[in-house]
Amino acid sequence: MSESRFEVLETKVAFQEELITQLDDALIAQQKQITELQLQLKVLQSEFKSLETQMPDSPEPPPPHY
């Protein structure tokens, strides 16, 4: 192979390595965000269940003017 073909291949590999690093960083950030969102969802579910237990079983009757 000629020297220029090696340079082209080395350049492509360098760009691919940089792209893989960027994609890996993006994946790590997305996984962190997913984990945080899952935690927030669990907190909201817990709060919802707590509020649900505080609600009366039957609704209040409408005011007399209805």
C-alpha atoms as a PDB file:
ATOM      1  CA  MET A   1       0.000   0.000   0.000  1.00  0.00           C
ATOM      2  CA  SER A   2       1.108   3.478  -0.679  1.00  0.00           C
ATOM      3  CA  GLU A   3       1.855   6.016   2.023  1.00  0.00           C
ATOM      4  CA  SER A   4      -1.183   8.140   1.071  1.00  0.00           C
ATOM      5  CA  ARG A   5      -3.565   5.186   1.532  1.00  0.00           C
ATOM      6  CA  PHE A   6      -2.160   4.614   5.013  1.00  0.00           C
ATOM      7  CA  GLU A   7      -2.714   8.263   5.821  1.00  0.00           C
ATOM      8  CA  VAL A   8      -6.310   8.067   4.587  1.00  0.00           C
ATOM      9  CA  LEU A   9      -6.955   4.962   6.691  1.00  0.00           C
ATOM     10  CA  GLU A  10      -5.309   6.501   9.754  1.00  0.00           C
ATOM     11  CA  THR A  11      -7.416   9.631   9.331  1.00  0.00           C
ATOM     12  CA  LYS A  12     -10.611   7.584   9.055  1.00  0.00           C
ATOM     13  CA  VAL A  13      -9.716   5.566  12.144  1.00  0.00           C
ATOM     14  CA  ALA A  14      -8.970   8.729  14.096  1.00  0.00           C
ATOM     15  CA  PHE A  15     -12.350  10.231  13.155  1.00  0.00           C
ATOM     16  CA  GLN A  16     -14.106   6.967  14.023  1.00  0.00           C
ATOM     17  CA  GLU A  17     -12.401   6.798  17.414  1.00  0.00           C
ATOM     18  CA  GLU A  18     -13.470  10.386  18.150  1.00  0.00           C
ATOM     19  CA  LEU A  19     -17.035   9.616  17.079  1.00  0.00           C
ATOM     20  CA  ILE A  20     -17.149   6.503  19.257  1.00  0.00           C
ATOM     21  CA  THR A  21     -15.931   8.561  22.226  1.00  0.00           C
ATOM     22  CA  GLN A  22     -18.618  11.196  21.605  1.00  0.00           C
ATOM     23  CA  LEU A  23     -21.322   8.541  21.268  1.00  0.00           C
ATOM     24  CA  ASP A  24     -20.126   6.851  24.456  1.00  0.00           C
ATOM     25  CA  ASP A  25     -20.271  10.161  26.333  1.00  0.00           C
ATOM     26  CA  ALA A  26     -23.794  10.793  25.004  1.00  0.00           C
ATOM     27  CA  LEU A  27     -24.886   7.307  26.049  1.00  0.00           C
ATOM     28  CA  ILE A  28     -23.498   7.800  29.552  1.00  0.00           C
ATOM     29  CA  ALA A  29     -25.326  11.136  29.866  1.00  0.00           C
ATOM     30  CA  GLN A  30     -28.578   9.611  28.628  1.00  0.00           C
ATOM     31  CA  GLN A  31     -28.306   6.692  31.052  1.00  0.00           C
ATOM     32  CA  LYS A  32     -27.720   9.119  33.911  1.00  0.00           C
ATOM     33  CA  GLN A  33     -30.787  11.107  32.877  1.00  0.00           C
ATOM     34  CA  ILE A  34     -32.891   7.928  32.619  1.00  0.00           C
ATOM     35  CA  THR A  35     -31.796   6.885  36.100  1.00  0.00           C
ATOM     36  CA  GLU A  36     -32.705  10.315  37.507  1.00  0.00           C
ATOM     37  CA  LEU A  37     -36.080  10.252  35.771  1.00  0.00           C
ATOM     38  CA  GLN A  38     -36.805   6.781  37.133  1.00  0.00           C
ATOM     39  CA  LEU A  39     -36.062   8.026  40.645  1.00  0.00           C
ATOM     40  CA  GLN A  40     -38.326  11.058  40.139  1.00  0.00           C
ATOM     41  CA  LEU A  41     -41.087   8.785  38.851  1.00  0.00           C
ATOM     42  CA  LYS A  42     -40.840   6.569  41.940  1.00  0.00           C
ATOM     43  CA  VAL A  43     -41.079   9.644  44.187  1.00  0.00           C
ATOM     44  CA  LEU A  44     -44.113  10.921  42.276  1.00  0.00           C
ATOM     45  CA  GLN A  45     -45.791   7.510  42.444  1.00  0.00           C
ATOM     46  CA  SER A  46     -45.220   7.403  46.176  1.00  0.00           C
ATOM     47  CA  GLU A  47     -46.639  10.898  46.614  1.00  0.00           C
ATOM     48  CA  PHE A  48     -49.635  10.043  44.437  1.00  0.00           C
ATOM     49  CA  LYS A  49     -50.400   6.928  46.474  1.00  0.00           C
ATOM     50  CA  SER A  50     -50.111   8.967  49.656  1.00  0.00           C
ATOM     51  CA  LEU A  51     -52.544  11.565  48.330  1.00  0.00           C
ATOM     52  CA  GLU A  52     -54.858   8.857  47.063  1.00  0.00           C
ATOM     53  CA  THR A  53     -55.173   7.333  50.520  1.00  0.00           C
ATOM     54  CA  GLN A  54     -56.067  10.741  51.955  1.00  0.00           C
ATOM     55  CA  MET A  55     -58.974  11.232  49.549  1.00  0.00           C
ATOM     56  CA  PRO A  56     -62.478  10.368  50.799  1.00  0.00           C
ATOM     57  CA  ASP A  57     -64.065   7.215  49.419  1.00  0.00           C
ATOM     58  CA  SER A  58     -67.176   9.022  48.181  1.00  0.00           C
ATOM     59  CA  PRO A  59     -67.333  12.507  46.737  1.00  0.00           C
ATOM     60  CA  GLU A  60     -68.891  15.327  48.679  1.00  0.00           C
ATOM     61  CA  PRO A  61     -72.536  15.963  47.847  1.00  0.00           C
ATOM     62  CA  PRO A  62     -73.184  19.007  45.669  1.00  0.00           C
ATOM     63  CA  PRO A  63     -74.227  22.217  47.374  1.00  0.00           C
ATOM     64  CA  PRO A  64     -77.974  22.681  47.928  1.00  0.00           C
ATOM     65  CA  HIS A  65     -78.396  25.218  45.135  1.00  0.00           C
ATOM     66  CA  TYR A  66     -77.712  22.576  42.439  1.00  0.00           C
END
